[in-house]
PDB file of N, CA and C in Angstrom:
ATOM      1  N   MET A   1      28.405  22.370 -18.170  1.00  0.00           N
ATOM      2  CA  MET A   1      28.185  21.272 -16.865  1.00  0.00           C
ATOM      3  C   MET A   1      26.754  20.956 -17.007  1.00  0.00           C
ATOM      4  N   ASN A   2      26.508  19.513 -16.811  1.00  0.00           N
ATOM      5  CA  ASN A   2      25.086  19.097 -17.040  1.00  0.00           C
ATOM      6  C   ASN A   2      24.536  18.951 -15.565  1.00  0.00           C
ATOM      7  N   THR A   3      23.544  19.397 -15.275  1.00  0.00           N
ATOM      8  CA  THR A   3      23.158  19.372 -13.848  1.00  0.00           C
ATOM      9  C   THR A   3      22.076  18.140 -13.705  1.00  0.00           C
ATOM     10  N   GLU A   4      21.636  17.591 -15.091  1.00  0.00           N
ATOM     11  CA  GLU A   4      20.659  16.300 -14.961  1.00  0.00           C
ATOM     12  C   GLU A   4      21.300  15.261 -14.032  1.00  0.00           C
ATOM     13  N   ARG A   5      20.761  14.534 -13.445  1.00  0.00           N
ATOM     14  CA  ARG A   5      21.273  13.568 -12.558  1.00  0.00           C
ATOM     15  C   ARG A   5      20.623  12.185 -13.090  1.00  0.00           C
ATOM     16  N   GLN A   6      21.759  11.240 -13.108  1.00  0.00           N
ATOM     17  CA  GLN A   6      21.383   9.891 -13.420  1.00  0.00           C
ATOM     18  C   GLN A   6      21.218   9.110 -12.159  1.00  0.00           C
ATOM     19  N   VAL A   7      20.328   8.114 -12.082  1.00  0.00           N
ATOM     20  CA  VAL A   7      19.783   7.401 -10.940  1.00  0.00           C
ATOM     21  C   VAL A   7      19.657   5.945 -11.436  1.00  0.00           C
ATOM     22  N   ALA A   8      19.487   5.208 -10.659  1.00  0.00           N
ATOM     23  CA  ALA A   8      19.349   3.739 -10.910  1.00  0.00           C
ATOM     24  C   ALA A   8      17.820   3.512 -11.089  1.00  0.00           C
ATOM     25  N   CYS A   9      17.344   2.964 -12.179  1.00  0.00           N
ATOM     26  CA  CYS A   9      15.984   2.571 -12.283  1.00  0.00           C
ATOM     27  C   CYS A   9      15.533   1.625 -11.127  1.00  0.00           C
ATOM     28  N   PRO A  10      14.472   1.944 -10.499  1.00  0.00           N
ATOM     29  CA  PRO A  10      14.073   0.874  -9.444  1.00  0.00           C
ATOM     30  C   PRO A  10      13.886  -0.618  -9.970  1.00  0.00           C
ATOM     31  N   VAL A  11      13.452  -0.731 -11.415  1.00  0.00           N
ATOM     32  CA  VAL A  11      13.192  -1.926 -11.850  1.00  0.00           C
ATOM     33  C   VAL A  11      14.241  -2.799 -12.315  1.00  0.00           C
ATOM     34  N   CYS A  12      15.035  -2.163 -13.237  1.00  0.00           N
ATOM     35  CA  CYS A  12      15.844  -2.924 -13.954  1.00  0.00           C
ATOM     36  C   CYS A  12      17.316  -2.482 -13.554  1.00  0.00           C
ATOM     37  N   ARG A  13      17.370  -1.405 -12.661  1.00  0.00           N
ATOM     38  CA  ARG A  13      18.686  -1.006 -12.074  1.00  0.00           C
ATOM     39  C   ARG A  13      19.502  -0.322 -13.184  1.00  0.00           C
ATOM     40  N   GLY A  14      19.179  -0.048 -14.206  1.00  0.00           N
ATOM     41  CA  GLY A  14      20.004   0.627 -15.482  1.00  0.00           C
ATOM     42  C   GLY A  14      19.792   1.882 -15.197  1.00  0.00           C
ATOM     43  N   PRO A  15      20.637   2.882 -15.980  1.00  0.00           N
ATOM     44  CA  PRO A  15      20.639   4.362 -15.690  1.00  0.00           C
ATOM     45  C   PRO A  15      19.355   4.926 -16.224  1.00  0.00           C
ATOM     46  N   SER A  16      18.860   5.982 -15.539  1.00  0.00           N
ATOM     47  CA  SER A  16      17.752   6.577 -15.601  1.00  0.00           C
ATOM     48  C   SER A  16      17.847   8.090 -15.234  1.00  0.00           C
ATOM     49  N   LEU A  17      17.456   8.773 -16.512  1.00  0.00           N
ATOM     50  CA  LEU A  17      17.708  10.482 -16.262  1.00  0.00           C
ATOM     51  C   LEU A  17      16.728  10.856 -15.190  1.00  0.00           C
ATOM     52  N   PHE A  18      17.073  11.569 -14.189  1.00  0.00           N
ATOM     53  CA  PHE A  18      16.008  12.039 -13.280  1.00  0.00           C
ATOM     54  C   PHE A  18      15.999  13.552 -13.528  1.00  0.00           C
ATOM     55  N   SER A  19      15.067  13.856 -14.501  1.00  0.00           N
ATOM     56  CA  SER A  19      14.926  15.085 -15.070  1.00  0.00           C
ATOM     57  C   SER A  19      13.377  15.184 -15.566  1.00  0.00           C
ATOM     58  N   PRO A  20      12.974  16.628 -15.654  1.00  0.00           N
ATOM     59  CA  PRO A  20      11.580  16.539 -16.275  1.00  0.00           C
ATOM     60  C   PRO A  20      11.565  16.231 -17.703  1.00  0.00           C
ATOM     61  N   ARG A  21      12.774  15.914 -18.447  1.00  0.00           N
ATOM     62  CA  ARG A  21      12.928  15.478 -19.887  1.00  0.00           C
ATOM     63  C   ARG A  21      12.389  14.012 -19.779  1.00  0.00           C
ATOM     64  N   ASN A  22      12.599  13.217 -18.644  1.00  0.00           N
ATOM     65  CA  ASN A  22      12.380  11.878 -18.562  1.00  0.00           C
ATOM     66  C   ASN A  22      10.780  11.767 -18.105  1.00  0.00           C
ATOM     67  N   PRO A  23       9.727  11.607 -18.833  1.00  0.00           N
ATOM     68  CA  PRO A  23       8.501  11.498 -18.393  1.00  0.00           C
ATOM     69  C   PRO A  23       8.114  10.342 -17.505  1.00  0.00           C
ATOM     70  N   TRP A  24       8.931   9.265 -17.360  1.00  0.00           N
ATOM     71  CA  TRP A  24       8.702   8.059 -16.680  1.00  0.00           C
ATOM     72  C   TRP A  24       9.629   8.176 -15.362  1.00  0.00           C
ATOM     73  N   ARG A  25      10.234   9.222 -14.910  1.00  0.00           N
ATOM     74  CA  ARG A  25      11.278   9.082 -13.863  1.00  0.00           C
ATOM     75  C   ARG A  25      10.460   8.818 -12.485  1.00  0.00           C
ATOM     76  N   PRO A  26      10.985   8.011 -11.580  1.00  0.00           N
ATOM     77  CA  PRO A  26      12.589   7.586 -11.687  1.00  0.00           C
ATOM     78  C   PRO A  26      12.665   6.476 -12.345  1.00  0.00           C
ATOM     79  N   PHE A  27      12.013   5.977 -13.335  1.00  0.00           N
ATOM     80  CA  PHE A  27      12.077   4.805 -14.077  1.00  0.00           C
ATOM     81  C   PHE A  27      12.792   5.188 -15.330  1.00  0.00           C
ATOM     82  N   CYS A  28      13.483   4.221 -16.107  1.00  0.00           N
ATOM     83  CA  CYS A  28      14.161   4.440 -17.402  1.00  0.00           C
ATOM     84  C   CYS A  28      13.315   4.502 -18.389  1.00  0.00           C
ATOM     85  N   SER A  29      12.196   3.946 -18.326  1.00  0.00           N
ATOM     86  CA  SER A  29      11.113   3.724 -19.548  1.00  0.00           C
ATOM     87  C   SER A  29       9.657   3.477 -18.979  1.00  0.00           C
ATOM     88  N   GLU A  30       8.795   3.597 -20.020  1.00  0.00           N
ATOM     89  CA  GLU A  30       7.401   3.282 -19.874  1.00  0.00           C
ATOM     90  C   GLU A  30       7.191   1.849 -19.281  1.00  0.00           C
ATOM     91  N   ARG A  31       7.946   0.968 -20.059  1.00  0.00           N
ATOM     92  CA  ARG A  31       7.907  -0.462 -19.588  1.00  0.00           C
ATOM     93  C   ARG A  31       8.168  -0.838 -18.134  1.00  0.00           C
ATOM     94  N   CYS A  32       9.523  -0.133 -17.590  1.00  0.00           N
ATOM     95  CA  CYS A  32       9.693  -0.278 -16.121  1.00  0.00           C
ATOM     96  C   CYS A  32       8.731   0.415 -15.401  1.00  0.00           C
ATOM     97  N   ARG A  33       8.083   1.492 -15.710  1.00  0.00           N
ATOM     98  CA  ARG A  33       7.006   1.955 -14.936  1.00  0.00           C
ATOM     99  C   ARG A  33       5.920   1.085 -14.805  1.00  0.00           C
ATOM    100  N   ASP A  34       5.437   0.513 -16.114  1.00  0.00           N
ATOM    101  CA  ASP A  34       4.458  -0.441 -15.975  1.00  0.00           C
ATOM    102  C   ASP A  34       4.553  -1.735 -15.124  1.00  0.00           C
ATOM    103  N   VAL A  35       5.848  -2.311 -15.277  1.00  0.00           N
ATOM    104  CA  VAL A  35       6.426  -3.353 -14.335  1.00  0.00           C
ATOM    105  C   VAL A  35       5.955  -2.923 -12.969  1.00  0.00           C
ATOM    106  N   ASP A  36       6.509  -1.934 -12.476  1.00  0.00           N
ATOM    107  CA  ASP A  36       6.458  -1.431 -11.136  1.00  0.00           C
ATOM    108  C   ASP A  36       4.787  -1.269 -10.757  1.00  0.00           C
ATOM    109  N   LEU A  37       4.028  -0.734 -11.668  1.00  0.00           N
ATOM    110  CA  LEU A  37       2.525  -0.431 -11.235  1.00  0.00           C
ATOM    111  C   LEU A  37       1.828  -1.856 -11.301  1.00  0.00           C
ATOM    112  N   GLY A  38       2.385  -2.768 -12.113  1.00  0.00           N
ATOM    113  CA  GLY A  38       1.759  -4.230 -12.162  1.00  0.00           C
ATOM    114  C   GLY A  38       1.948  -4.867 -10.945  1.00  0.00           C
ATOM    115  N   ALA A  39       3.267  -4.585 -10.223  1.00  0.00           N
ATOM    116  CA  ALA A  39       3.610  -5.277  -8.984  1.00  0.00           C
ATOM    117  C   ALA A  39       2.725  -4.648  -7.927  1.00  0.00           C
ATOM    118  N   TRP A  40       2.613  -3.291  -7.882  1.00  0.00           N
ATOM    119  CA  TRP A  40       1.686  -2.649  -6.869  1.00  0.00           C
ATOM    120  C   TRP A  40       0.115  -3.234  -7.115  1.00  0.00           C
ATOM    121  N   ALA A  41      -0.223  -3.318  -8.165  1.00  0.00           N
ATOM    122  CA  ALA A  41      -1.683  -3.751  -8.457  1.00  0.00           C
ATOM    123  C   ALA A  41      -2.004  -5.261  -8.066  1.00  0.00           C
ATOM    124  N   SER A  42      -0.930  -5.914  -8.163  1.00  0.00           N
ATOM    125  CA  SER A  42      -1.171  -7.470  -7.880  1.00  0.00           C
ATOM    126  C   SER A  42      -0.483  -7.898  -6.263  1.00  0.00           C
ATOM    127  N   GLU A  43      -0.499  -6.713  -5.624  1.00  0.00           N
ATOM    128  CA  GLU A  43       0.253  -6.796  -4.285  1.00  0.00           C
ATOM    129  C   GLU A  43       1.461  -7.409  -4.174  1.00  0.00           C
ATOM    130  N   GLY A  44       2.263  -7.121  -5.041  1.00  0.00           N
ATOM    131  CA  GLY A  44       3.526  -7.826  -5.038  1.00  0.00           C
ATOM    132  C   GLY A  44       4.358  -6.989  -4.031  1.00  0.00           C
ATOM    133  N   TYR A  45       4.082  -5.890  -3.634  1.00  0.00           N
ATOM    134  CA  TYR A  45       4.869  -5.264  -2.645  1.00  0.00           C
ATOM    135  C   TYR A  45       4.064  -5.299  -1.332  1.00  0.00           C
ATOM    136  N   ARG A  46       4.772  -5.814  -0.192  1.00  0.00           N
ATOM    137  CA  ARG A  46       4.147  -5.810   1.049  1.00  0.00           C
ATOM    138  C   ARG A  46       4.956  -5.248   2.249  1.00  0.00           C
ATOM    139  N   VAL A  47       4.564  -4.662   3.185  1.00  0.00           N
ATOM    140  CA  VAL A  47       5.124  -4.112   4.370  1.00  0.00           C
ATOM    141  C   VAL A  47       5.361  -5.184   5.382  1.00  0.00           C
ATOM    142  N   ALA A  48       6.203  -5.644   5.653  1.00  0.00           N
ATOM    143  CA  ALA A  48       6.610  -6.809   6.872  1.00  0.00           C
ATOM    144  C   ALA A  48       6.097  -6.133   8.243  1.00  0.00           C
ATOM    145  N   THR A  49       5.215  -7.218   8.823  1.00  0.00           N
ATOM    146  CA  THR A  49       4.779  -6.638  10.069  1.00  0.00           C
ATOM    147  C   THR A  49       5.033  -7.902  11.152  1.00  0.00           C
ATOM    148  N   GLN A  50       5.024  -7.724  12.065  1.00  0.00           N
ATOM    149  CA  GLN A  50       5.061  -8.906  13.274  1.00  0.00           C
ATOM    150  C   GLN A  50       3.717  -9.106  13.609  1.00  0.00           C
ATOM    151  N   ALA A  51       3.306 -10.283  13.892  1.00  0.00           N
ATOM    152  CA  ALA A  51       2.132 -10.662  14.209  1.00  0.00           C
ATOM    153  C   ALA A  51       1.935 -10.621  15.738  1.00  0.00           C
ATOM    154  N   PRO A  52       0.890 -10.165  16.326  1.00  0.00           N
ATOM    155  CA  PRO A  52       0.712  -9.945  17.785  1.00  0.00           C
ATOM    156  C   PRO A  52       0.879 -11.261  18.562  1.00  0.00           C
ATOM    157  N   ALA A  53       1.260 -11.243  19.660  1.00  0.00           N
ATOM    158  CA  ALA A  53       1.295 -12.436  20.419  1.00  0.00           C
ATOM    159  C   ALA A  53      -0.067 -13.089  20.818  1.00  0.00           C
ATOM    160  N   ASP A  54      -0.258 -14.311  20.714  1.00  0.00           N
ATOM    161  CA  ASP A  54      -1.567 -14.885  21.018  1.00  0.00           C
ATOM    162  C   ASP A  54      -2.173 -14.328  22.194  1.00  0.00           C
ATOM    163  N   ASP A  55      -1.520 -13.924  23.247  1.00  0.00           N
ATOM    164  CA  ASP A  55      -1.977 -13.598  24.328  1.00  0.00           C
ATOM    165  C   ASP A  55      -2.250 -12.104  24.695  1.00  0.00           C
ATOM    166  N   ALA A  56      -1.821 -11.274  23.367  1.00  0.00           N
ATOM    167  CA  ALA A  56      -1.981  -9.909  23.394  1.00  0.00           C
ATOM    168  C   ALA A  56      -3.551  -9.492  23.620  1.00  0.00           C
ATOM    169  N   GLU A  57      -4.548 -10.056  23.114  1.00  0.00           N
ATOM    170  CA  GLU A  57      -5.922  -9.832  23.112  1.00  0.00           C
ATOM    171  C   GLU A  57      -6.352 -10.176  24.594  1.00  0.00           C
ATOM    172  N   ASP A  58      -5.794 -11.050  25.261  1.00  0.00           N
ATOM    173  CA  ASP A  58      -6.276 -11.400  26.633  1.00  0.00           C
ATOM    174  C   ASP A  58      -5.930 -10.201  27.683  1.00  0.00           C
ATOM    175  N   ASP A  59      -4.722  -9.621  27.184  1.00  0.00           N
ATOM    176  CA  ASP A  59      -4.127  -8.452  27.855  1.00  0.00           C
ATOM    177  C   ASP A  59      -5.071  -7.289  28.129  1.00  0.00           C
ATOM    178  N   LYS A  60      -6.118  -7.083  26.916  1.00  0.00           N
ATOM    179  CA  LYS A  60      -6.889  -6.003  26.990  1.00  0.00           C
ATOM    180  C   LYS A  60      -8.097  -6.279  27.577  1.00  0.00           C
ATOM    181  N   THR A  61      -8.580  -7.724  27.867  1.00  0.00           N
ATOM    182  CA  THR A  61      -9.679  -7.918  28.652  1.00  0.00           C
ATOM    183  C   THR A  61      -9.628  -7.640  30.105  1.00  0.00           C
ATOM    184  N   PRO A  62     -10.555  -6.912  30.655  1.00  0.00           N
ATOM    185  CA  PRO A  62     -10.488  -6.784  32.155  1.00  0.00           C
ATOM    186  C   PRO A  62     -10.828  -8.033  32.753  1.00  0.00           C
ATOM    187  N   LYS A  63      -9.799  -8.175  34.014  1.00  0.00           N
ATOM    188  CA  LYS A  63      -9.863  -9.381  34.753  1.00  0.00           C
ATOM    189  C   LYS A  63     -10.642  -9.034  36.065  1.00  0.00           C
ATOM    190  N   HIS A  64     -11.575 -10.114  36.392  1.00  0.00           N
ATOM    191  CA  HIS A  64     -12.472  -9.915  37.555  1.00  0.00           C
ATOM    192  C   HIS A  64     -12.157 -10.987  38.617  1.00  0.00           C
TER     193      HIS A  64
END
């Protein structure tokens, strides 16, 4: 019985061995790991946020 798990590589979606025997896990190869690192380094990954409303700053200002 093989207890080592196969997962989809986050970059190429190919099979990747999720085991200590795979030094690049969860990636399938050093190349895919480097592609992912390059995307982070060039700010290719971003978290979407919603811009505050224009009047949001006015709400914080005390009114006299």
